[in-house]
Amino acid sequence: MTARLQPSRDGRRATARALLGAAIVTLVAVTALAQGRGFGRGGFGFGGPRVRNFKAYPNTPYDGRFNFVRVAYDCDPSGYWYRGIPSWAHGYPMAEQNLMKIMNEVSYFGAQETINTVTLDDPELFKYPVAYIIEVSWWQMTDVHAKALRDYMLKGGFVIVDDFKAEGDFGSAGWGPFEQNMRRVFPELRFVPMSATHPIFHSFFEIDSLDVVPQAYNAGKPYFYGLYEDNDPSKRLMMIVNYNTDISQFWEWSGTGLRPVDETNEAYKLGVNYLLYGMTH
């Protein structure tokens, strides 16, 4: 699918800047209605009963439009700390739903606002150009999943890794388990530190400094790493890793008033840029 963008780059950004703030204000009311139901805030994030036998919502059948897809995986037994929710599902589906509302406000993206989940060995994965995975310190990867992820990325799939805690943060084992898993995908992989000069940070919004990226609750600064085709930074970026940060927490919380709107704006800018880059590269 080709995202339909406004033809004027400067006009698009001027409109987007205005709409982003307005859209977030709108989300305050929209998201509040969802809290306390299903998997929203009252469901497991900050209150409500402990979730048992977690099941994702049914997927929306593919119809050619963009559909945000989150990767479901088997997690380490210690990865159920968040009120019994498996680590891959933290923030689901509110974070992505809010991001899709923003995408559809600031562009002609025309995305579905329902959120799909897939496992890496599901052939349906290859219908989605962008895949999102979180809390990868608890990710238990199989050989079948490693091969499927390699095939997906080599065929043009773009992967966003988020909500990736540093070692010791909420019991996370940090970078080590993730790198071990990814070496099963690409044995010779090399993660490259990213700077704000990379095109992904300019694919829609101009993000000229990564120092402005806010932190929801992680200590220290966030780090961004890229995995490139053939380990060559001049080639296609196949995966971006948000380390020691949780960008999606701002999307999830944008209707709660827990964080300032200007910080939430920065997190949404990253999400919008990531999706448009993944769709166009």
C-alpha atoms as a PDB file:
ATOM      1  CA  MET A   1       0.000   0.000   0.000  1.00  0.00           C
ATOM      2  CA  THR A   2       1.200   3.516  -0.747  1.00  0.00           C
ATOM      3  CA  ALA A   3       0.520   6.155   1.891  1.00  0.00           C
ATOM      4  CA  ARG A   4      -1.243   9.189   0.417  1.00  0.00           C
ATOM      5  CA  LEU A   5       0.561  12.280   1.637  1.00  0.00           C
ATOM      6  CA  GLN A   6      -0.179  15.924   1.115  1.00  0.00           C
ATOM      7  CA  PRO A   7       1.739  17.175  -1.941  1.00  0.00           C
ATOM      8  CA  SER A   8       3.345  20.240  -0.350  1.00  0.00           C
ATOM      9  CA  ARG A   9       6.117  19.278   2.066  1.00  0.00           C
ATOM     10  CA  ASP A  10       6.227  22.680   3.782  1.00  0.00           C
ATOM     11  CA  GLY A  11       2.455  22.998   3.849  1.00  0.00           C
ATOM     12  CA  ARG A  12       2.132  19.463   5.110  1.00  0.00           C
ATOM     13  CA  ARG A  13       4.407  20.145   8.046  1.00  0.00           C
ATOM     14  CA  ALA A  14       2.749  23.432   8.940  1.00  0.00           C
ATOM     15  CA  THR A  15      -0.641  21.732   8.943  1.00  0.00           C
ATOM     16  CA  ALA A  16       0.737  18.741  10.809  1.00  0.00           C
ATOM     17  CA  ARG A  17       2.196  20.875  13.584  1.00  0.00           C
ATOM     18  CA  ALA A  18      -1.159  22.507  14.174  1.00  0.00           C
ATOM     19  CA  LEU A  19      -3.124  19.284  13.938  1.00  0.00           C
ATOM     20  CA  LEU A  20      -0.817  17.294  16.202  1.00  0.00           C
ATOM     21  CA  GLY A  21      -1.531  19.473  19.208  1.00  0.00           C
ATOM     22  CA  ALA A  22      -5.252  19.594  18.411  1.00  0.00           C
ATOM     23  CA  ALA A  23      -5.433  15.851  17.886  1.00  0.00           C
ATOM     24  CA  ILE A  24      -3.790  15.124  21.223  1.00  0.00           C
ATOM     25  CA  VAL A  25      -6.299  17.369  22.988  1.00  0.00           C
ATOM     26  CA  THR A  26      -9.082  15.447  21.237  1.00  0.00           C
ATOM     27  CA  LEU A  27      -7.566  12.171  22.355  1.00  0.00           C
ATOM     28  CA  VAL A  28      -7.896  13.244  25.976  1.00  0.00           C
ATOM     29  CA  ALA A  29     -11.653  12.885  25.631  1.00  0.00           C
ATOM     30  CA  VAL A  30     -11.623   9.867  23.293  1.00  0.00           C
ATOM     31  CA  THR A  31      -9.200   7.833  25.366  1.00  0.00           C
ATOM     32  CA  ALA A  32     -10.986   8.618  28.610  1.00  0.00           C
ATOM     33  CA  LEU A  33     -14.060   6.848  27.249  1.00  0.00           C
ATOM     34  CA  ALA A  34     -12.019   3.692  26.641  1.00  0.00           C
ATOM     35  CA  GLN A  35     -10.458   3.535  30.088  1.00  0.00           C
ATOM     36  CA  GLY A  36     -11.860   0.945  32.406  1.00  0.00           C
ATOM     37  CA  ARG A  37     -12.919  -1.337  29.557  1.00  0.00           C
ATOM     38  CA  GLY A  38     -11.232  -4.199  27.745  1.00  0.00           C
ATOM     39  CA  PHE A  39      -7.466  -3.777  27.852  1.00  0.00           C
ATOM     40  CA  GLY A  40      -7.529  -0.056  28.614  1.00  0.00           C
ATOM     41  CA  ARG A  41      -6.226   1.717  31.660  1.00  0.00           C
ATOM     42  CA  GLY A  42      -8.804   0.369  34.052  1.00  0.00           C
ATOM     43  CA  GLY A  43      -8.457  -3.083  32.506  1.00  0.00           C
ATOM     44  CA  PHE A  44      -4.891  -3.758  33.523  1.00  0.00           C
ATOM     45  CA  GLY A  45      -2.663  -0.708  33.371  1.00  0.00           C
ATOM     46  CA  PHE A  46      -3.407   0.981  36.689  1.00  0.00           C
ATOM     47  CA  GLY A  47      -6.285  -0.863  38.244  1.00  0.00           C
ATOM     48  CA  GLY A  48      -8.946  -3.463  37.771  1.00  0.00           C
ATOM     49  CA  PRO A  49      -8.732  -7.237  38.181  1.00  0.00           C
ATOM     50  CA  ARG A  50      -5.662  -9.254  37.379  1.00  0.00           C
ATOM     51  CA  VAL A  51      -5.871 -10.548  33.804  1.00  0.00           C
ATOM     52  CA  ARG A  52      -5.736 -14.314  33.370  1.00  0.00           C
ATOM     53  CA  ASN A  53      -5.547 -16.323  30.163  1.00  0.00           C
ATOM     54  CA  PHE A  54      -4.810 -13.202  28.177  1.00  0.00           C
ATOM     55  CA  LYS A  55      -6.251 -13.119  24.668  1.00  0.00           C
ATOM     56  CA  ALA A  56      -5.835 -10.397  22.078  1.00  0.00           C
ATOM     57  CA  TYR A  57      -8.747  -8.889  20.230  1.00  0.00           C
ATOM     58  CA  PRO A  58      -9.694 -10.580  16.913  1.00  0.00           C
ATOM     59  CA  ASN A  59      -7.695  -9.300  13.961  1.00  0.00           C
ATOM     60  CA  THR A  60      -9.244  -7.123  11.276  1.00  0.00           C
ATOM     61  CA  PRO A  61      -9.145  -8.949   7.910  1.00  0.00           C
ATOM     62  CA  TYR A  62      -6.578  -7.504   5.527  1.00  0.00           C
ATOM     63  CA  ASP A  63      -8.145  -5.162   2.973  1.00  0.00           C
ATOM     64  CA  GLY A  64      -5.092  -3.380   1.557  1.00  0.00           C
ATOM     65  CA  ARG A  65      -5.148  -0.487   4.002  1.00  0.00           C
ATOM     66  CA  PHE A  66      -2.367   0.021   6.519  1.00  0.00           C
ATOM     67  CA  ASN A  67      -2.963  -1.943   9.699  1.00  0.00           C
ATOM     68  CA  PHE A  68      -0.666  -1.553  12.691  1.00  0.00           C
ATOM     69  CA  VAL A  69       0.555  -4.995  13.706  1.00  0.00           C
ATOM     70  CA  ARG A  70       2.118  -5.973  17.010  1.00  0.00           C
ATOM     71  CA  VAL A  71       4.223  -9.115  17.335  1.00  0.00           C
ATOM     72  CA  ALA A  72       3.076 -11.627  19.942  1.00  0.00           C
ATOM     73  CA  TYR A  73       5.703 -13.979  21.344  1.00  0.00           C
ATOM     74  CA  ASP A  74       6.348 -16.485  24.101  1.00  0.00           C
ATOM     75  CA  CYS A  75       7.911 -14.645  27.012  1.00  0.00           C
ATOM     76  CA  ASP A  76      10.104 -15.566  29.921  1.00  0.00           C
ATOM     77  CA  PRO A  77       8.043 -16.554  33.021  1.00  0.00           C
ATOM     78  CA  SER A  78       9.237 -13.383  34.728  1.00  0.00           C
ATOM     79  CA  GLY A  79       7.714 -11.317  31.922  1.00  0.00           C
ATOM     80  CA  TYR A  80       4.193 -11.429  33.361  1.00  0.00           C
ATOM     81  CA  TRP A  81       4.908  -8.819  36.028  1.00  0.00           C
ATOM     82  CA  TYR A  82       2.478  -6.223  34.622  1.00  0.00           C
ATOM     83  CA  ARG A  83      -0.702  -7.439  36.343  1.00  0.00           C
ATOM     84  CA  GLY A  84      -0.350 -10.794  34.637  1.00  0.00           C
ATOM     85  CA  ILE A  85      -0.183  -9.416  31.083  1.00  0.00           C
ATOM     86  CA  PRO A  86       2.553 -10.998  28.905  1.00  0.00           C
ATOM     87  CA  SER A  87       5.425  -8.651  28.182  1.00  0.00           C
ATOM     88  CA  TRP A  88       4.632  -8.359  24.470  1.00  0.00           C
ATOM     89  CA  ALA A  89       1.171  -6.914  25.222  1.00  0.00           C
ATOM     90  CA  HIS A  90       1.983  -4.028  27.554  1.00  0.00           C
ATOM     91  CA  GLY A  91       0.030  -0.960  26.453  1.00  0.00           C
ATOM     92  CA  TYR A  92      -1.995  -2.948  23.917  1.00  0.00           C
ATOM     93  CA  PRO A  93      -4.070  -1.802  22.131  1.00  0.00           C
ATOM     94  CA  MET A  94      -4.519   1.758  23.399  1.00  0.00           C
ATOM     95  CA  ALA A  95      -1.018   2.986  22.555  1.00  0.00           C
ATOM     96  CA  GLU A  96      -1.262   2.005  18.892  1.00  0.00           C
ATOM     97  CA  GLN A  97      -4.884   3.093  18.547  1.00  0.00           C
ATOM     98  CA  ASN A  98      -3.950   6.576  19.703  1.00  0.00           C
ATOM     99  CA  LEU A  99      -1.020   6.659  17.279  1.00  0.00           C
ATOM    100  CA  MET A 100      -3.302   5.632  14.404  1.00  0.00           C
ATOM    101  CA  LYS A 101      -5.707   8.451  15.290  1.00  0.00           C
ATOM    102  CA  ILE A 102      -2.804  10.894  15.088  1.00  0.00           C
ATOM    103  CA  MET A 103      -1.580   9.401  11.793  1.00  0.00           C
ATOM    104  CA  ASN A 104      -5.002   9.843  10.251  1.00  0.00           C
ATOM    105  CA  GLU A 105      -5.302  13.416  11.563  1.00  0.00           C
ATOM    106  CA  VAL A 106      -1.979  14.710  10.243  1.00  0.00           C
ATOM    107  CA  SER A 107      -1.865  12.860   6.916  1.00  0.00           C
ATOM    108  CA  TYR A 108      -3.917  11.042   4.309  1.00  0.00           C
ATOM    109  CA  PHE A 109      -2.528   7.749   5.593  1.00  0.00           C
ATOM    110  CA  GLY A 110      -5.984   6.196   5.845  1.00  0.00           C
ATOM    111  CA  ALA A 111      -4.927   3.584   8.373  1.00  0.00           C
ATOM    112  CA  GLN A 112      -7.187   1.123  10.095  1.00  0.00           C
ATOM    113  CA  GLU A 113      -7.650   2.164  13.719  1.00  0.00           C
ATOM    114  CA  THR A 114      -7.992  -1.425  14.870  1.00  0.00           C
ATOM    115  CA  ILE A 115      -4.795  -3.169  15.943  1.00  0.00           C
ATOM    116  CA  ASN A 116      -3.752  -6.619  14.767  1.00  0.00           C
ATOM    117  CA  THR A 117      -1.419  -9.078  16.465  1.00  0.00           C
ATOM    118  CA  VAL A 118       0.593 -11.822  14.795  1.00  0.00           C
ATOM    119  CA  THR A 119       3.223 -14.345  15.765  1.00  0.00           C
ATOM    120  CA  LEU A 120       6.365 -14.402  13.677  1.00  0.00           C
ATOM    121  CA  ASP A 121       5.528 -17.791  12.195  1.00  0.00           C
ATOM    122  CA  ASP A 122       2.135 -16.583  10.963  1.00  0.00           C
ATOM    123  CA  PRO A 123       2.145 -16.143   7.139  1.00  0.00           C
ATOM    124  CA  GLU A 124      -0.156 -13.143   7.663  1.00  0.00           C
ATOM    125  CA  LEU A 125       2.903 -11.222   8.901  1.00  0.00           C
ATOM    126  CA  PHE A 126       4.034 -10.721   5.308  1.00  0.00           C
ATOM    127  CA  LYS A 127       0.932  -8.653   4.535  1.00  0.00           C
ATOM    128  CA  TYR A 128       2.139  -5.930   6.890  1.00  0.00           C
ATOM    129  CA  PRO A 129       5.089  -3.694   5.895  1.00  0.00           C
ATOM    130  CA  VAL A 130       5.780  -2.569   9.474  1.00  0.00           C
ATOM    131  CA  ALA A 131       5.898  -4.750  12.591  1.00  0.00           C
ATOM    132  CA  TYR A 132       6.123  -3.553  16.189  1.00  0.00           C
ATOM    133  CA  ILE A 133       7.590  -5.523  19.092  1.00  0.00           C
ATOM    134  CA  ILE A 134       8.227  -4.500  22.707  1.00  0.00           C
ATOM    135  CA  GLU A 135       9.821  -5.658  25.955  1.00  0.00           C
ATOM    136  CA  VAL A 136      12.336  -7.780  24.051  1.00  0.00           C
ATOM    137  CA  SER A 137      14.402  -8.665  27.124  1.00  0.00           C
ATOM    138  CA  TRP A 138      11.683 -11.229  27.906  1.00  0.00           C
ATOM    139  CA  TRP A 139      11.363 -12.499  24.319  1.00  0.00           C
ATOM    140  CA  GLN A 140      11.758 -16.265  23.959  1.00  0.00           C
ATOM    141  CA  MET A 141      12.652 -16.862  20.304  1.00  0.00           C
ATOM    142  CA  THR A 142      12.424 -20.206  18.505  1.00  0.00           C
ATOM    143  CA  ASP A 143      14.416 -21.215  15.425  1.00  0.00           C
ATOM    144  CA  VAL A 144      11.216 -21.058  13.373  1.00  0.00           C
ATOM    145  CA  HIS A 145      10.588 -17.496  14.543  1.00  0.00           C
ATOM    146  CA  ALA A 146      14.197 -16.500  13.845  1.00  0.00           C
ATOM    147  CA  LYS A 147      13.946 -17.687  10.243  1.00  0.00           C
ATOM    148  CA  ALA A 148      10.558 -16.023   9.751  1.00  0.00           C
ATOM    149  CA  LEU A 149      11.855 -12.698  11.076  1.00  0.00           C
ATOM    150  CA  ARG A 150      14.928 -12.908   8.831  1.00  0.00           C
ATOM    151  CA  ASP A 151      12.753 -13.608   5.783  1.00  0.00           C
ATOM    152  CA  TYR A 152      10.378 -10.790   6.694  1.00  0.00           C
ATOM    153  CA  MET A 153      13.124  -8.202   7.023  1.00  0.00           C
ATOM    154  CA  LEU A 154      14.983  -9.313   3.892  1.00  0.00           C
ATOM    155  CA  LYS A 155      11.763  -9.090   1.880  1.00  0.00           C
ATOM    156  CA  GLY A 156      11.352  -5.453   2.893  1.00  0.00           C
ATOM    157  CA  GLY A 157       9.650  -5.581   6.281  1.00  0.00           C
ATOM    158  CA  PHE A 158      10.545  -2.848   8.768  1.00  0.00           C
ATOM    159  CA  VAL A 159      10.645  -3.602  12.503  1.00  0.00           C
ATOM    160  CA  ILE A 160      10.202  -1.133  15.374  1.00  0.00           C
ATOM    161  CA  VAL A 161      11.520  -2.239  18.778  1.00  0.00           C
ATOM    162  CA  ASP A 162      10.214  -0.190  21.685  1.00  0.00           C
ATOM    163  CA  ASP A 163       9.618  -0.282  25.442  1.00  0.00           C
ATOM    164  CA  PHE A 164      13.086  -1.784  25.834  1.00  0.00           C
ATOM    165  CA  LYS A 165      14.332  -1.465  29.390  1.00  0.00           C
ATOM    166  CA  ALA A 166      17.971  -1.345  30.436  1.00  0.00           C
ATOM    167  CA  GLU A 167      19.412  -4.052  32.661  1.00  0.00           C
ATOM    168  CA  GLY A 168      17.903  -4.042  36.139  1.00  0.00           C
ATOM    169  CA  ASP A 169      15.015  -1.767  35.197  1.00  0.00           C
ATOM    170  CA  PHE A 170      11.804  -3.504  36.315  1.00  0.00           C
ATOM    171  CA  GLY A 171      13.734  -6.766  36.358  1.00  0.00           C
ATOM    172  CA  SER A 172      14.868  -6.495  32.749  1.00  0.00           C
ATOM    173  CA  ALA A 173      17.942  -8.438  31.649  1.00  0.00           C
ATOM    174  CA  GLY A 174      18.736  -5.567  29.308  1.00  0.00           C
ATOM    175  CA  TRP A 175      20.427  -5.754  25.924  1.00  0.00           C
ATOM    176  CA  GLY A 176      22.042  -9.194  26.210  1.00  0.00           C
ATOM    177  CA  PRO A 177      19.058 -11.521  25.586  1.00  0.00           C
ATOM    178  CA  PHE A 178      17.860  -9.377  22.702  1.00  0.00           C
ATOM    179  CA  GLU A 179      21.219  -9.426  20.948  1.00  0.00           C
ATOM    180  CA  GLN A 180      21.494 -13.194  21.442  1.00  0.00           C
ATOM    181  CA  ASN A 181      18.109 -13.641  19.822  1.00  0.00           C
ATOM    182  CA  MET A 182      18.930 -11.333  16.948  1.00  0.00           C
ATOM    183  CA  ARG A 183      22.182 -13.170  16.250  1.00  0.00           C
ATOM    184  CA  ARG A 184      20.035 -16.185  15.520  1.00  0.00           C
ATOM    185  CA  VAL A 185      18.301 -14.039  12.918  1.00  0.00           C
ATOM    186  CA  PHE A 186      21.448 -12.463  11.455  1.00  0.00           C
ATOM    187  CA  PRO A 187      24.628 -14.078  12.853  1.00  0.00           C
ATOM    188  CA  GLU A 188      26.843 -11.259  11.588  1.00  0.00           C
ATOM    189  CA  LEU A 189      24.564  -8.422  12.653  1.00  0.00           C
ATOM    190  CA  ARG A 190      25.864  -5.058  13.804  1.00  0.00           C
ATOM    191  CA  PHE A 191      23.666  -2.523  15.549  1.00  0.00           C
ATOM    192  CA  VAL A 192      24.722   1.002  14.647  1.00  0.00           C
ATOM    193  CA  PRO A 193      24.095   3.988  16.965  1.00  0.00           C
ATOM    194  CA  MET A 194      21.766   6.403  15.198  1.00  0.00           C
ATOM    195  CA  SER A 195      21.900  10.168  15.028  1.00  0.00           C
ATOM    196  CA  ALA A 196      19.255  12.743  14.215  1.00  0.00           C
ATOM    197  CA  THR A 197      20.722  13.147  10.712  1.00  0.00           C
ATOM    198  CA  HIS A 198      19.220   9.839   9.570  1.00  0.00           C
ATOM    199  CA  PRO A 199      16.293  10.222   7.115  1.00  0.00           C
ATOM    200  CA  ILE A 200      13.922   8.380   9.456  1.00  0.00           C
ATOM    201  CA  PHE A 201      13.945  11.413  11.733  1.00  0.00           C
ATOM    202  CA  HIS A 202      12.937  13.659   8.823  1.00  0.00           C
ATOM    203  CA  SER A 203      10.416  11.499   6.971  1.00  0.00           C
ATOM    204  CA  PHE A 204       7.529  13.760   8.067  1.00  0.00           C
ATOM    205  CA  PHE A 205       8.387  15.821  11.129  1.00  0.00           C
ATOM    206  CA  GLU A 206      11.817  17.398  11.408  1.00  0.00           C
ATOM    207  CA  ILE A 207      13.507  15.947  14.487  1.00  0.00           C
ATOM    208  CA  ASP A 208      16.888  17.653  14.602  1.00  0.00           C
ATOM    209  CA  SER A 209      18.049  16.409  17.996  1.00  0.00           C
ATOM    210  CA  LEU A 210      17.449  13.152  19.821  1.00  0.00           C
ATOM    211  CA  ASP A 211      18.189  14.921  23.100  1.00  0.00           C
ATOM    212  CA  VAL A 212      14.636  16.282  23.027  1.00  0.00           C
ATOM    213  CA  VAL A 213      13.092  12.799  23.226  1.00  0.00           C
ATOM    214  CA  PRO A 214      11.289  12.678  26.580  1.00  0.00           C
ATOM    215  CA  GLN A 215      11.340   9.806  29.056  1.00  0.00           C
ATOM    216  CA  ALA A 216       8.109   8.466  30.521  1.00  0.00           C
ATOM    217  CA  TYR A 217       9.741   6.735  33.493  1.00  0.00           C
ATOM    218  CA  ASN A 218      13.142   5.376  32.425  1.00  0.00           C
ATOM    219  CA  ALA A 219      16.218   6.820  34.103  1.00  0.00           C
ATOM    220  CA  GLY A 220      18.926   8.395  31.975  1.00  0.00           C
ATOM    221  CA  LYS A 221      18.768   9.122  28.269  1.00  0.00           C
ATOM    222  CA  PRO A 222      17.248   7.049  25.465  1.00  0.00           C
ATOM    223  CA  TYR A 223      19.434   5.407  22.831  1.00  0.00           C
ATOM    224  CA  PHE A 224      18.556   4.585  19.238  1.00  0.00           C
ATOM    225  CA  TYR A 225      20.184   1.798  17.237  1.00  0.00           C
ATOM    226  CA  GLY A 226      19.712   0.710  13.651  1.00  0.00           C
ATOM    227  CA  LEU A 227      20.103  -2.647  11.934  1.00  0.00           C
ATOM    228  CA  TYR A 228      20.877  -2.164   8.253  1.00  0.00           C
ATOM    229  CA  GLU A 229      20.783  -4.445   5.265  1.00  0.00           C
ATOM    230  CA  ASP A 230      24.218  -6.081   4.897  1.00  0.00           C
ATOM    231  CA  ASN A 231      25.298  -4.104   7.998  1.00  0.00           C
ATOM    232  CA  ASP A 232      25.779  -1.150   5.684  1.00  0.00           C
ATOM    233  CA  PRO A 233      24.393   2.190   6.997  1.00  0.00           C
ATOM    234  CA  SER A 234      24.161   3.437   3.420  1.00  0.00           C
ATOM    235  CA  LYS A 235      21.573   0.741   2.685  1.00  0.00           C
ATOM    236  CA  ARG A 236      18.044   0.178   3.914  1.00  0.00           C
ATOM    237  CA  LEU A 237      17.302   0.460   7.620  1.00  0.00           C
ATOM    238  CA  MET A 238      15.529  -2.799   8.511  1.00  0.00           C
ATOM    239  CA  MET A 239      15.033  -2.291  12.245  1.00  0.00           C
ATOM    240  CA  ILE A 240      15.124   0.627  14.650  1.00  0.00           C
ATOM    241  CA  VAL A 241      15.609  -0.038  18.352  1.00  0.00           C
ATOM    242  CA  ASN A 242      14.478   2.407  21.034  1.00  0.00           C
ATOM    243  CA  TYR A 243      16.637   1.375  23.991  1.00  0.00           C
ATOM    244  CA  ASN A 244      16.245   2.518  27.596  1.00  0.00           C
ATOM    245  CA  THR A 245      13.023   4.231  26.704  1.00  0.00           C
ATOM    246  CA  ASP A 246       9.340   3.618  26.063  1.00  0.00           C
ATOM    247  CA  ILE A 247       8.040   5.943  23.378  1.00  0.00           C
ATOM    248  CA  SER A 248       4.670   4.206  23.239  1.00  0.00           C
ATOM    249  CA  GLN A 249       4.003   4.984  26.897  1.00  0.00           C
ATOM    250  CA  PHE A 250       3.313   8.565  25.872  1.00  0.00           C
ATOM    251  CA  TRP A 251       0.857   7.383  23.213  1.00  0.00           C
ATOM    252  CA  GLU A 252      -0.916   5.209  25.766  1.00  0.00           C
ATOM    253  CA  TRP A 253      -1.030   7.951  28.405  1.00  0.00           C
ATOM    254  CA  SER A 254      -1.968  10.805  26.087  1.00  0.00           C
ATOM    255  CA  GLY A 255      -5.542  10.817  27.352  1.00  0.00           C
ATOM    256  CA  THR A 256      -4.639  10.748  31.044  1.00  0.00           C
ATOM    257  CA  GLY A 257      -2.832  14.033  31.680  1.00  0.00           C
ATOM    258  CA  LEU A 258       0.097  12.148  33.233  1.00  0.00           C
ATOM    259  CA  ARG A 259       2.621  13.839  30.940  1.00  0.00           C
ATOM    260  CA  PRO A 260       2.744  17.313  29.364  1.00  0.00           C
ATOM    261  CA  VAL A 261       1.300  17.660  25.870  1.00  0.00           C
ATOM    262  CA  ASP A 262       4.601  18.984  24.475  1.00  0.00           C
ATOM    263  CA  GLU A 263       6.430  15.815  25.603  1.00  0.00           C
ATOM    264  CA  THR A 264       3.670  13.654  24.173  1.00  0.00           C
ATOM    265  CA  ASN A 265       3.985  15.557  20.896  1.00  0.00           C
ATOM    266  CA  GLU A 266       7.653  14.530  20.611  1.00  0.00           C
ATOM    267  CA  ALA A 267       6.771  10.871  21.130  1.00  0.00           C
ATOM    268  CA  TYR A 268       4.032  11.038  18.513  1.00  0.00           C
ATOM    269  CA  LYS A 269       6.425  12.677  16.054  1.00  0.00           C
ATOM    270  CA  LEU A 270       8.739   9.694  16.360  1.00  0.00           C
ATOM    271  CA  GLY A 271       5.884   7.249  15.823  1.00  0.00           C
ATOM    272  CA  VAL A 272       4.619   9.082  12.742  1.00  0.00           C
ATOM    273  CA  ASN A 273       8.122   9.269  11.263  1.00  0.00           C
ATOM    274  CA  TYR A 274       8.805   5.600  11.897  1.00  0.00           C
ATOM    275  CA  LEU A 275       5.639   4.474  10.139  1.00  0.00           C
ATOM    276  CA  LEU A 276       6.109   6.711   7.115  1.00  0.00           C
ATOM    277  CA  TYR A 277       9.744   5.680   6.778  1.00  0.00           C
ATOM    278  CA  GLY A 278       8.812   2.009   6.998  1.00  0.00           C
ATOM    279  CA  MET A 279       6.138   2.463   4.326  1.00  0.00           C
ATOM    280  CA  THR A 280       8.402   4.297   1.893  1.00  0.00           C
ATOM    281  CA  HIS A 281      11.710   2.418   2.181  1.00  0.00           C
END
